[in-house]
Amino acid sequence: MAQVVFELPPTVFSALRKSPEDFAAEMRLAAVIHWYSQGQISQGKAAEIAGVSRAEFLEELFQRKIPAVQVTLEELREELQRG
């Protein structure tokens, strides 16, 4: 597995009241939520990268008020016309 290393001052963790492990998990989740909301990755891939289940990822989207369905109005119209 590849690793990415960030060097942060220790004050970051105390200011946020998070352990380095909790901080890293939150960063991963924030990144995948951003990539998902931009349409760059699927729900399944986002959950995999974040290290959570798809249900847990969907719950995070709900809590952050981010739509779980990333479909444009035009895509929806096309789908309805095909159906």
PDB file of N, CA and C in Angstrom:
ATOM      1  N   MET A   1       0.854  -1.174   0.000  1.00  0.00           N
ATOM      2  CA  MET A   1       0.000   0.000   0.000  1.00  0.00           C
ATOM      3  C   MET A   1       0.901   1.239   0.000  1.00  0.00           C
ATOM      4  N   ALA A   2       0.543   2.217  -0.786  1.00  0.00           N
ATOM      5  CA  ALA A   2       1.289   3.475  -0.841  1.00  0.00           C
ATOM      6  C   ALA A   2       0.973   4.327   0.381  1.00  0.00           C
ATOM      7  N   GLN A   3       1.937   5.142   0.763  1.00  0.00           N
ATOM      8  CA  GLN A   3       1.734   6.044   1.890  1.00  0.00           C
ATOM      9  C   GLN A   3       2.024   7.469   1.455  1.00  0.00           C
ATOM     10  N   VAL A   4       1.294   8.389   2.040  1.00  0.00           N
ATOM     11  CA  VAL A   4       1.518   9.817   1.862  1.00  0.00           C
ATOM     12  C   VAL A   4       1.814  10.373   3.240  1.00  0.00           C
ATOM     13  N   VAL A   5       2.867  11.151   3.354  1.00  0.00           N
ATOM     14  CA  VAL A   5       3.280  11.672   4.650  1.00  0.00           C
ATOM     15  C   VAL A   5       3.145  13.190   4.653  1.00  0.00           C
ATOM     16  N   PHE A   6       2.476  13.708   5.675  1.00  0.00           N
ATOM     17  CA  PHE A   6       2.352  15.139   5.894  1.00  0.00           C
ATOM     18  C   PHE A   6       3.105  15.486   7.169  1.00  0.00           C
ATOM     19  N   GLU A   7       3.877  16.525   7.120  1.00  0.00           N
ATOM     20  CA  GLU A   7       4.540  16.999   8.328  1.00  0.00           C
ATOM     21  C   GLU A   7       3.768  18.197   8.852  1.00  0.00           C
ATOM     22  N   LEU A   8       3.250  18.045  10.062  1.00  0.00           N
ATOM     23  CA  LEU A   8       2.448  19.092  10.683  1.00  0.00           C
ATOM     24  C   LEU A   8       3.005  19.385  12.069  1.00  0.00           C
ATOM     25  N   PRO A   9       2.920  20.627  12.499  1.00  0.00           N
ATOM     26  CA  PRO A   9       3.375  20.928  13.853  1.00  0.00           C
ATOM     27  C   PRO A   9       2.454  20.270  14.877  1.00  0.00           C
ATOM     28  N   PRO A  10       2.986  19.842  16.001  1.00  0.00           N
ATOM     29  CA  PRO A  10       2.168  19.177  17.024  1.00  0.00           C
ATOM     30  C   PRO A  10       1.010  20.032  17.517  1.00  0.00           C
ATOM     31  N   THR A  11       1.114  21.335  17.404  1.00  0.00           N
ATOM     32  CA  THR A  11       0.041  22.213  17.873  1.00  0.00           C
ATOM     33  C   THR A  11      -1.249  22.021  17.083  1.00  0.00           C
ATOM     34  N   VAL A  12      -1.142  21.502  15.860  1.00  0.00           N
ATOM     35  CA  VAL A  12      -2.340  21.248  15.051  1.00  0.00           C
ATOM     36  C   VAL A  12      -3.257  20.271  15.775  1.00  0.00           C
ATOM     37  N   PHE A  13      -2.671  19.216  16.298  1.00  0.00           N
ATOM     38  CA  PHE A  13      -3.474  18.170  16.946  1.00  0.00           C
ATOM     39  C   PHE A  13      -4.091  18.659  18.246  1.00  0.00           C
ATOM     40  N   SER A  14      -3.342  19.419  19.006  1.00  0.00           N
ATOM     41  CA  SER A  14      -3.898  19.925  20.257  1.00  0.00           C
ATOM     42  C   SER A  14      -4.967  20.985  19.995  1.00  0.00           C
ATOM     43  N   ALA A  15      -4.765  21.808  18.970  1.00  0.00           N
ATOM     44  CA  ALA A  15      -5.754  22.839  18.645  1.00  0.00           C
ATOM     45  C   ALA A  15      -7.079  22.214  18.218  1.00  0.00           C
ATOM     46  N   LEU A  16      -7.005  21.110  17.500  1.00  0.00           N
ATOM     47  CA  LEU A  16      -8.214  20.429  17.035  1.00  0.00           C
ATOM     48  C   LEU A  16      -8.710  19.373  18.022  1.00  0.00           C
ATOM     49  N   ARG A  17      -7.928  19.149  19.064  1.00  0.00           N
ATOM     50  CA  ARG A  17      -8.254  18.117  20.074  1.00  0.00           C
ATOM     51  C   ARG A  17      -8.439  16.752  19.421  1.00  0.00           C
ATOM     52  N   LYS A  18      -7.493  16.422  18.544  1.00  0.00           N
ATOM     53  CA  LYS A  18      -7.537  15.143  17.844  1.00  0.00           C
ATOM     54  C   LYS A  18      -6.171  14.479  17.922  1.00  0.00           C
ATOM     55  N   SER A  19      -6.203  13.169  17.946  1.00  0.00           N
ATOM     56  CA  SER A  19      -4.948  12.421  17.861  1.00  0.00           C
ATOM     57  C   SER A  19      -4.485  12.456  16.406  1.00  0.00           C
ATOM     58  N   PRO A  20      -3.213  12.200  16.150  1.00  0.00           N
ATOM     59  CA  PRO A  20      -2.769  12.140  14.750  1.00  0.00           C
ATOM     60  C   PRO A  20      -3.561  11.126  13.930  1.00  0.00           C
ATOM     61  N   GLU A  21      -3.942  10.003  14.544  1.00  0.00           N
ATOM     62  CA  GLU A  21      -4.714   8.983  13.823  1.00  0.00           C
ATOM     63  C   GLU A  21      -6.115   9.488  13.469  1.00  0.00           C
ATOM     64  N   ASP A  22      -6.772  10.153  14.415  1.00  0.00           N
ATOM     65  CA  ASP A  22      -8.101  10.712  14.146  1.00  0.00           C
ATOM     66  C   ASP A  22      -8.027  11.812  13.093  1.00  0.00           C
ATOM     67  N   PHE A  23      -6.987  12.637  13.182  1.00  0.00           N
ATOM     68  CA  PHE A  23      -6.784  13.708  12.206  1.00  0.00           C
ATOM     69  C   PHE A  23      -6.619  13.120  10.802  1.00  0.00           C
ATOM     70  N   ALA A  24      -5.794  12.075  10.676  1.00  0.00           N
ATOM     71  CA  ALA A  24      -5.558  11.441   9.376  1.00  0.00           C
ATOM     72  C   ALA A  24      -6.847  10.848   8.815  1.00  0.00           C
ATOM     73  N   ALA A  25      -7.624  10.193   9.664  1.00  0.00           N
ATOM     74  CA  ALA A  25      -8.895   9.610   9.210  1.00  0.00           C
ATOM     75  C   ALA A  25      -9.856  10.698   8.743  1.00  0.00           C
ATOM     76  N   GLU A  26      -9.895  11.801   9.470  1.00  0.00           N
ATOM     77  CA  GLU A  26     -10.780  12.899   9.082  1.00  0.00           C
ATOM     78  C   GLU A  26     -10.327  13.547   7.778  1.00  0.00           C
ATOM     79  N   MET A  27      -9.013  13.661   7.587  1.00  0.00           N
ATOM     80  CA  MET A  27      -8.495  14.205   6.327  1.00  0.00           C
ATOM     81  C   MET A  27      -8.866  13.312   5.152  1.00  0.00           C
ATOM     82  N   ARG A  28      -8.731  12.000   5.331  1.00  0.00           N
ATOM     83  CA  ARG A  28      -9.091  11.057   4.265  1.00  0.00           C
ATOM     84  C   ARG A  28     -10.564  11.191   3.920  1.00  0.00           C
ATOM     85  N   LEU A  29     -11.410  11.258   4.945  1.00  0.00           N
ATOM     86  CA  LEU A  29     -12.844  11.375   4.718  1.00  0.00           C
ATOM     87  C   LEU A  29     -13.182  12.693   4.017  1.00  0.00           C
ATOM     88  N   ALA A  30     -12.582  13.777   4.462  1.00  0.00           N
ATOM     89  CA  ALA A  30     -12.838  15.078   3.835  1.00  0.00           C
ATOM     90  C   ALA A  30     -12.412  15.068   2.368  1.00  0.00           C
ATOM     91  N   ALA A  31     -11.277  14.447   2.091  1.00  0.00           N
ATOM     92  CA  ALA A  31     -10.791  14.387   0.707  1.00  0.00           C
ATOM     93  C   ALA A  31     -11.752  13.598  -0.173  1.00  0.00           C
ATOM     94  N   VAL A  32     -12.189  12.424   0.289  1.00  0.00           N
ATOM     95  CA  VAL A  32     -13.063  11.619  -0.566  1.00  0.00           C
ATOM     96  C   VAL A  32     -14.439  12.251  -0.731  1.00  0.00           C
ATOM     97  N   ILE A  33     -14.912  12.932   0.292  1.00  0.00           N
ATOM     98  CA  ILE A  33     -16.192  13.641   0.151  1.00  0.00           C
ATOM     99  C   ILE A  33     -16.054  14.731  -0.910  1.00  0.00           C
ATOM    100  N   HIS A  34     -14.950  15.436  -0.896  1.00  0.00           N
ATOM    101  CA  HIS A  34     -14.712  16.469  -1.914  1.00  0.00           C
ATOM    102  C   HIS A  34     -14.650  15.829  -3.308  1.00  0.00           C
ATOM    103  N   TRP A  35     -13.861  14.785  -3.468  1.00  0.00           N
ATOM    104  CA  TRP A  35     -13.732  14.134  -4.777  1.00  0.00           C
ATOM    105  C   TRP A  35     -15.062  13.564  -5.250  1.00  0.00           C
ATOM    106  N   TYR A  36     -15.842  12.982  -4.322  1.00  0.00           N
ATOM    107  CA  TYR A  36     -17.147  12.438  -4.682  1.00  0.00           C
ATOM    108  C   TYR A  36     -18.084  13.561  -5.122  1.00  0.00           C
ATOM    109  N   SER A  37     -18.119  14.646  -4.365  1.00  0.00           N
ATOM    110  CA  SER A  37     -19.034  15.744  -4.701  1.00  0.00           C
ATOM    111  C   SER A  37     -18.656  16.404  -6.026  1.00  0.00           C
ATOM    112  N   GLN A  38     -17.397  16.263  -6.435  1.00  0.00           N
ATOM    113  CA  GLN A  38     -16.950  16.792  -7.719  1.00  0.00           C
ATOM    114  C   GLN A  38     -17.164  15.789  -8.856  1.00  0.00           C
ATOM    115  N   GLY A  39     -17.674  14.605  -8.530  1.00  0.00           N
ATOM    116  CA  GLY A  39     -17.938  13.586  -9.539  1.00  0.00           C
ATOM    117  C   GLY A  39     -16.697  12.841  -9.991  1.00  0.00           C
ATOM    118  N   GLN A  40     -15.624  12.900  -9.205  1.00  0.00           N
ATOM    119  CA  GLN A  40     -14.370  12.264  -9.614  1.00  0.00           C
ATOM    120  C   GLN A  40     -14.282  10.801  -9.229  1.00  0.00           C
ATOM    121  N   ILE A  41     -15.010  10.387  -8.181  1.00  0.00           N
ATOM    122  CA  ILE A  41     -14.988   8.997  -7.744  1.00  0.00           C
ATOM    123  C   ILE A  41     -16.398   8.559  -7.364  1.00  0.00           C
ATOM    124  N   SER A  42     -16.597   7.252  -7.362  1.00  0.00           N
ATOM    125  CA  SER A  42     -17.901   6.681  -7.008  1.00  0.00           C
ATOM    126  C   SER A  42     -18.041   6.569  -5.492  1.00  0.00           C
ATOM    127  N   GLN A  43     -19.257   6.262  -5.040  1.00  0.00           N
ATOM    128  CA  GLN A  43     -19.484   6.036  -3.614  1.00  0.00           C
ATOM    129  C   GLN A  43     -18.642   4.881  -3.102  1.00  0.00           C
ATOM    130  N   GLY A  44     -18.594   3.817  -3.870  1.00  0.00           N
ATOM    131  CA  GLY A  44     -17.827   2.651  -3.464  1.00  0.00           C
ATOM    132  C   GLY A  44     -16.343   2.948  -3.331  1.00  0.00           C
ATOM    133  N   LYS A  45     -15.790   3.659  -4.302  1.00  0.00           N
ATOM    134  CA  LYS A  45     -14.372   4.011  -4.259  1.00  0.00           C
ATOM    135  C   LYS A  45     -14.102   4.978  -3.122  1.00  0.00           C
ATOM    136  N   ALA A  46     -15.003   5.920  -2.895  1.00  0.00           N
ATOM    137  CA  ALA A  46     -14.839   6.868  -1.792  1.00  0.00           C
ATOM    138  C   ALA A  46     -14.800   6.136  -0.459  1.00  0.00           C
ATOM    139  N   ALA A  47     -15.723   5.206  -0.273  1.00  0.00           N
ATOM    140  CA  ALA A  47     -15.755   4.432   0.969  1.00  0.00           C
ATOM    141  C   ALA A  47     -14.471   3.628   1.130  1.00  0.00           C
ATOM    142  N   GLU A  48     -14.011   3.028   0.047  1.00  0.00           N
ATOM    143  CA  GLU A  48     -12.776   2.239   0.095  1.00  0.00           C
ATOM    144  C   GLU A  48     -11.580   3.104   0.507  1.00  0.00           C
ATOM    145  N   ILE A  49     -11.434   4.265  -0.112  1.00  0.00           N
ATOM    146  CA  ILE A  49     -10.318   5.159   0.206  1.00  0.00           C
ATOM    147  C   ILE A  49     -10.407   5.638   1.653  1.00  0.00           C
ATOM    148  N   ALA A  50     -11.617   5.963   2.098  1.00  0.00           N
ATOM    149  CA  ALA A  50     -11.808   6.469   3.458  1.00  0.00           C
ATOM    150  C   ALA A  50     -11.667   5.376   4.510  1.00  0.00           C
ATOM    151  N   GLY A  51     -11.760   4.113   4.081  1.00  0.00           N
ATOM    152  CA  GLY A  51     -11.657   3.013   5.034  1.00  0.00           C
ATOM    153  C   GLY A  51     -12.922   2.800   5.837  1.00  0.00           C
ATOM    154  N   VAL A  52     -14.073   3.115   5.216  1.00  0.00           N
ATOM    155  CA  VAL A  52     -15.368   2.923   5.869  1.00  0.00           C
ATOM    156  C   VAL A  52     -16.267   2.121   4.945  1.00  0.00           C
ATOM    157  N   SER A  53     -17.391   1.646   5.472  1.00  0.00           N
ATOM    158  CA  SER A  53     -18.358   0.957   4.624  1.00  0.00           C
ATOM    159  C   SER A  53     -19.093   1.987   3.761  1.00  0.00           C
ATOM    160  N   ARG A  54     -19.741   1.497   2.727  1.00  0.00           N
ATOM    161  CA  ARG A  54     -20.517   2.409   1.878  1.00  0.00           C
ATOM    162  C   ARG A  54     -21.645   3.056   2.681  1.00  0.00           C
ATOM    163  N   ALA A  55     -22.266   2.289   3.575  1.00  0.00           N
ATOM    164  CA  ALA A  55     -23.333   2.834   4.424  1.00  0.00           C
ATOM    165  C   ALA A  55     -22.793   3.951   5.310  1.00  0.00           C
ATOM    166  N   GLU A  56     -21.603   3.757   5.876  1.00  0.00           N
ATOM    167  CA  GLU A  56     -20.995   4.803   6.714  1.00  0.00           C
ATOM    168  C   GLU A  56     -20.664   6.037   5.885  1.00  0.00           C
ATOM    169  N   PHE A  57     -20.208   5.829   4.654  1.00  0.00           N
ATOM    170  CA  PHE A  57     -19.928   6.962   3.776  1.00  0.00           C
ATOM    171  C   PHE A  57     -21.212   7.734   3.470  1.00  0.00           C
ATOM    172  N   LEU A  58     -22.288   7.014   3.173  1.00  0.00           N
ATOM    173  CA  LEU A  58     -23.569   7.669   2.903  1.00  0.00           C
ATOM    174  C   LEU A  58     -24.062   8.441   4.122  1.00  0.00           C
ATOM    175  N   GLU A  59     -23.857   7.891   5.302  1.00  0.00           N
ATOM    176  CA  GLU A  59     -24.235   8.592   6.536  1.00  0.00           C
ATOM    177  C   GLU A  59     -23.444   9.890   6.687  1.00  0.00           C
ATOM    178  N   GLU A  60     -22.161   9.856   6.356  1.00  0.00           N
ATOM    179  CA  GLU A  60     -21.333  11.070   6.417  1.00  0.00           C
ATOM    180  C   GLU A  60     -21.847  12.122   5.432  1.00  0.00           C
ATOM    181  N   LEU A  61     -22.224  11.688   4.230  1.00  0.00           N
ATOM    182  CA  LEU A  61     -22.787  12.629   3.260  1.00  0.00           C
ATOM    183  C   LEU A  61     -24.055  13.264   3.824  1.00  0.00           C
ATOM    184  N   PHE A  62     -24.925  12.446   4.403  1.00  0.00           N
ATOM    185  CA  PHE A  62     -26.172  12.930   4.975  1.00  0.00           C
ATOM    186  C   PHE A  62     -25.903  13.952   6.080  1.00  0.00           C
ATOM    187  N   GLN A  63     -24.984  13.621   6.988  1.00  0.00           N
ATOM    188  CA  GLN A  63     -24.677  14.523   8.092  1.00  0.00           C
ATOM    189  C   GLN A  63     -24.109  15.850   7.608  1.00  0.00           C
ATOM    190  N   ARG A  64     -23.389  15.818   6.495  1.00  0.00           N
ATOM    191  CA  ARG A  64     -22.776  17.040   5.960  1.00  0.00           C
ATOM    192  C   ARG A  64     -23.663  17.733   4.925  1.00  0.00           C
ATOM    193  N   LYS A  65     -24.868  17.181   4.750  1.00  0.00           N
ATOM    194  CA  LYS A  65     -25.858  17.751   3.812  1.00  0.00           C
ATOM    195  C   LYS A  65     -25.318  17.820   2.378  1.00  0.00           C
ATOM    196  N   ILE A  66     -24.671  16.738   1.976  1.00  0.00           N
ATOM    197  CA  ILE A  66     -24.142  16.604   0.616  1.00  0.00           C
ATOM    198  C   ILE A  66     -24.988  15.561  -0.099  1.00  0.00           C
ATOM    199  N   PRO A  67     -25.526  15.892  -1.264  1.00  0.00           N
ATOM    200  CA  PRO A  67     -26.379  14.930  -1.975  1.00  0.00           C
ATOM    201  C   PRO A  67     -25.643  13.623  -2.255  1.00  0.00           C
ATOM    202  N   ALA A  68     -26.312  12.513  -1.978  1.00  0.00           N
ATOM    203  CA  ALA A  68     -25.720  11.197  -2.221  1.00  0.00           C
ATOM    204  C   ALA A  68     -25.799  10.808  -3.690  1.00  0.00           C
ATOM    205  N   VAL A  69     -26.699  11.427  -4.419  1.00  0.00           N
ATOM    206  CA  VAL A  69     -26.868  11.128  -5.836  1.00  0.00           C
ATOM    207  C   VAL A  69     -26.254  12.268  -6.638  1.00  0.00           C
ATOM    208  N   GLN A  70     -25.309  11.919  -7.466  1.00  0.00           N
ATOM    209  CA  GLN A  70     -24.599  12.922  -8.260  1.00  0.00           C
ATOM    210  C   GLN A  70     -25.047  12.829  -9.723  1.00  0.00           C
ATOM    211  N   VAL A  71     -26.276  13.228  -9.977  1.00  0.00           N
ATOM    212  CA  VAL A  71     -26.842  13.161 -11.321  1.00  0.00           C
ATOM    213  C   VAL A  71     -27.299  14.560 -11.703  1.00  0.00           C
ATOM    214  N   THR A  72     -26.944  14.962 -12.917  1.00  0.00           N
ATOM    215  CA  THR A  72     -27.406  16.267 -13.384  1.00  0.00           C
ATOM    216  C   THR A  72     -28.849  16.152 -13.853  1.00  0.00           C
ATOM    217  N   LEU A  73     -29.510  17.280 -13.961  1.00  0.00           N
ATOM    218  CA  LEU A  73     -30.892  17.295 -14.437  1.00  0.00           C
ATOM    219  C   LEU A  73     -30.974  16.722 -15.850  1.00  0.00           C
ATOM    220  N   GLU A  74     -30.016  17.055 -16.681  1.00  0.00           N
ATOM    221  CA  GLU A  74     -30.000  16.547 -18.058  1.00  0.00           C
ATOM    222  C   GLU A  74     -29.832  15.022 -18.072  1.00  0.00           C
ATOM    223  N   GLU A  75     -28.963  14.489 -17.234  1.00  0.00           N
ATOM    224  CA  GLU A  75     -28.786  13.035 -17.154  1.00  0.00           C
ATOM    225  C   GLU A  75     -30.066  12.355 -16.693  1.00  0.00           C
ATOM    226  N   LEU A  76     -30.753  12.966 -15.754  1.00  0.00           N
ATOM    227  CA  LEU A  76     -32.014  12.416 -15.270  1.00  0.00           C
ATOM    228  C   LEU A  76     -33.058  12.417 -16.375  1.00  0.00           C
ATOM    229  N   ARG A  77     -33.143  13.490 -17.130  1.00  0.00           N
ATOM    230  CA  ARG A  77     -34.105  13.560 -18.249  1.00  0.00           C
ATOM    231  C   ARG A  77     -33.817  12.473 -19.283  1.00  0.00           C
ATOM    232  N   GLU A  78     -32.543  12.304 -19.601  1.00  0.00           N
ATOM    233  CA  GLU A  78     -32.160  11.272 -20.575  1.00  0.00           C
ATOM    234  C   GLU A  78     -32.536   9.885 -20.070  1.00  0.00           C
ATOM    235  N   GLU A  79     -32.307   9.645 -18.797  1.00  0.00           N
ATOM    236  CA  GLU A  79     -32.649   8.339 -18.205  1.00  0.00           C
ATOM    237  C   GLU A  79     -34.147   8.105 -18.251  1.00  0.00           C
ATOM    238  N   LEU A  80     -34.931   9.113 -17.946  1.00  0.00           N
ATOM    239  CA  LEU A  80     -36.387   8.986 -17.977  1.00  0.00           C
ATOM    240  C   LEU A  80     -36.900   8.737 -19.392  1.00  0.00           C
ATOM    241  N   GLN A  81     -36.280   9.368 -20.387  1.00  0.00           N
ATOM    242  CA  GLN A  81     -36.688   9.166 -21.771  1.00  0.00           C
ATOM    243  C   GLN A  81     -36.358   7.753 -22.263  1.00  0.00           C
ATOM    244  N   ARG A  82     -35.255   7.197 -21.755  1.00  0.00           N
ATOM    245  CA  ARG A  82     -34.876   5.834 -22.139  1.00  0.00           C
ATOM    246  C   ARG A  82     -35.794   4.810 -21.494  1.00  0.00           C
ATOM    247  N   GLY A  83     -36.271   5.122 -20.276  1.00  0.00           N
ATOM    248  CA  GLY A  83     -37.084   4.157 -19.507  1.00  0.00           C
ATOM    249  C   GLY A  83     -38.450   4.069 -20.031  1.00  0.00           C
TER     250      GLY A  83
END
